[in-house]
Amino acid sequence: MKQWFRYGLGRLDTARDQPSIAAGITAFESSMRDIRELVVALATSRTFRYRTPGTAEVLP
C-alpha cells in the first residue's frame, strides 16, 4: 500500500498519512487482497482527496 500511496500522491508518506495507509491496508486485506479495492481505498482516502499545497504552491 505504501508504494501505491507514494505513486498516487507523487510524494513520500509522512506520519500524518499513516491513518490513511492503515485504512487502505485493512480494506485490501478484508477484500481477500483484491487489487481493485486497494486502488479504491487509495482514491477515497482523505489524504488523496484533500491535499495541502506545497511550500511555493498557490492553489486557484
C-alpha atoms as a PDB file:
ATOM      1  CA  MET A   1       0.000   0.000   0.000  1.00  0.00           C
ATOM      2  CA  LYS A   2       2.808   2.410   0.790  1.00  0.00           C
ATOM      3  CA  GLN A   3       4.239   2.186  -2.709  1.00  0.00           C
ATOM      4  CA  TRP A   4       0.804   2.703  -4.279  1.00  0.00           C
ATOM      5  CA  PHE A   5       0.251   5.629  -1.931  1.00  0.00           C
ATOM      6  CA  ARG A   6       3.588   7.198  -2.863  1.00  0.00           C
ATOM      7  CA  TYR A   7       2.955   6.730  -6.560  1.00  0.00           C
ATOM      8  CA  GLY A   8      -0.621   8.017  -6.393  1.00  0.00           C
ATOM      9  CA  LEU A   9       0.303  11.143  -4.458  1.00  0.00           C
ATOM     10  CA  GLY A  10       3.670  11.690  -6.096  1.00  0.00           C
ATOM     11  CA  ARG A  11       5.457  12.077  -2.777  1.00  0.00           C
ATOM     12  CA  LEU A  12       6.769  10.162   0.201  1.00  0.00           C
ATOM     13  CA  ASP A  13       4.429   9.376   3.050  1.00  0.00           C
ATOM     14  CA  THR A  14       4.634  11.159   6.392  1.00  0.00           C
ATOM     15  CA  ALA A  15       3.453  10.338   9.893  1.00  0.00           C
ATOM     16  CA  ARG A  16       0.205  12.222   9.197  1.00  0.00           C
ATOM     17  CA  ASP A  17      -0.524   9.814   6.323  1.00  0.00           C
ATOM     18  CA  GLN A  18      -0.405   6.687   8.463  1.00  0.00           C
ATOM     19  CA  PRO A  19      -4.163   6.516   9.233  1.00  0.00           C
ATOM     20  CA  SER A  20      -4.977   6.602   5.501  1.00  0.00           C
ATOM     21  CA  ILE A  21      -2.376   3.935   4.777  1.00  0.00           C
ATOM     22  CA  ALA A  22      -3.636   1.733   7.618  1.00  0.00           C
ATOM     23  CA  ALA A  23      -7.229   2.050   6.385  1.00  0.00           C
ATOM     24  CA  GLY A  24      -6.107   1.107   2.871  1.00  0.00           C
ATOM     25  CA  ILE A  25      -4.271  -1.952   4.136  1.00  0.00           C
ATOM     26  CA  THR A  26      -7.337  -3.027   6.118  1.00  0.00           C
ATOM     27  CA  ALA A  27      -9.628  -2.623   3.105  1.00  0.00           C
ATOM     28  CA  PHE A  28      -7.194  -4.517   0.883  1.00  0.00           C
ATOM     29  CA  GLU A  29      -6.798  -7.428   3.286  1.00  0.00           C
ATOM     30  CA  SER A  30     -10.512  -7.681   4.067  1.00  0.00           C
ATOM     31  CA  SER A  31     -11.280  -7.933   0.340  1.00  0.00           C
ATOM     32  CA  MET A  32      -9.053 -11.014   0.087  1.00  0.00           C
ATOM     33  CA  ARG A  33      -6.322  -8.879  -1.490  1.00  0.00           C
ATOM     34  CA  ASP A  34      -8.356  -7.610  -4.415  1.00  0.00           C
ATOM     35  CA  ILE A  35      -6.180  -5.002  -6.152  1.00  0.00           C
ATOM     36  CA  ARG A  36      -9.266  -3.045  -7.198  1.00  0.00           C
ATOM     37  CA  GLU A  37     -10.141  -2.463  -3.557  1.00  0.00           C
ATOM     38  CA  LEU A  38      -6.617  -1.205  -2.932  1.00  0.00           C
ATOM     39  CA  VAL A  39      -6.994   1.401  -5.675  1.00  0.00           C
ATOM     40  CA  VAL A  40     -10.450   2.396  -4.409  1.00  0.00           C
ATOM     41  CA  ALA A  41      -9.099   2.738  -0.857  1.00  0.00           C
ATOM     42  CA  LEU A  42      -6.299   4.990  -2.108  1.00  0.00           C
ATOM     43  CA  ALA A  43      -8.584   7.170  -4.241  1.00  0.00           C
ATOM     44  CA  THR A  44     -11.162   7.597  -1.487  1.00  0.00           C
ATOM     45  CA  SER A  45      -8.674   8.264   1.307  1.00  0.00           C
ATOM     46  CA  ARG A  46      -8.780  11.670   2.942  1.00  0.00           C
ATOM     47  CA  THR A  47      -5.109  12.210   2.152  1.00  0.00           C
ATOM     48  CA  PHE A  48      -5.704  11.673  -1.562  1.00  0.00           C
ATOM     49  CA  ARG A  49      -8.850  13.803  -1.768  1.00  0.00           C
ATOM     50  CA  TYR A  50      -7.725  16.734   0.399  1.00  0.00           C
ATOM     51  CA  ARG A  51      -4.095  17.509  -0.155  1.00  0.00           C
ATOM     52  CA  THR A  52      -2.295  20.521   1.260  1.00  0.00           C
ATOM     53  CA  PRO A  53      -0.435  22.848  -1.092  1.00  0.00           C
ATOM     54  CA  GLY A  54       3.346  22.740  -1.269  1.00  0.00           C
ATOM     55  CA  THR A  55       5.571  25.498   0.096  1.00  0.00           C
ATOM     56  CA  ALA A  56       5.667  27.703  -3.005  1.00  0.00           C
ATOM     57  CA  GLU A  57       2.405  26.448  -4.498  1.00  0.00           C
ATOM     58  CA  VAL A  58      -0.727  28.557  -4.820  1.00  0.00           C
ATOM     59  CA  LEU A  59      -3.994  26.765  -5.465  1.00  0.00           C
ATOM     60  CA  PRO A  60      -6.609  28.579  -7.597  1.00  0.00           C
END
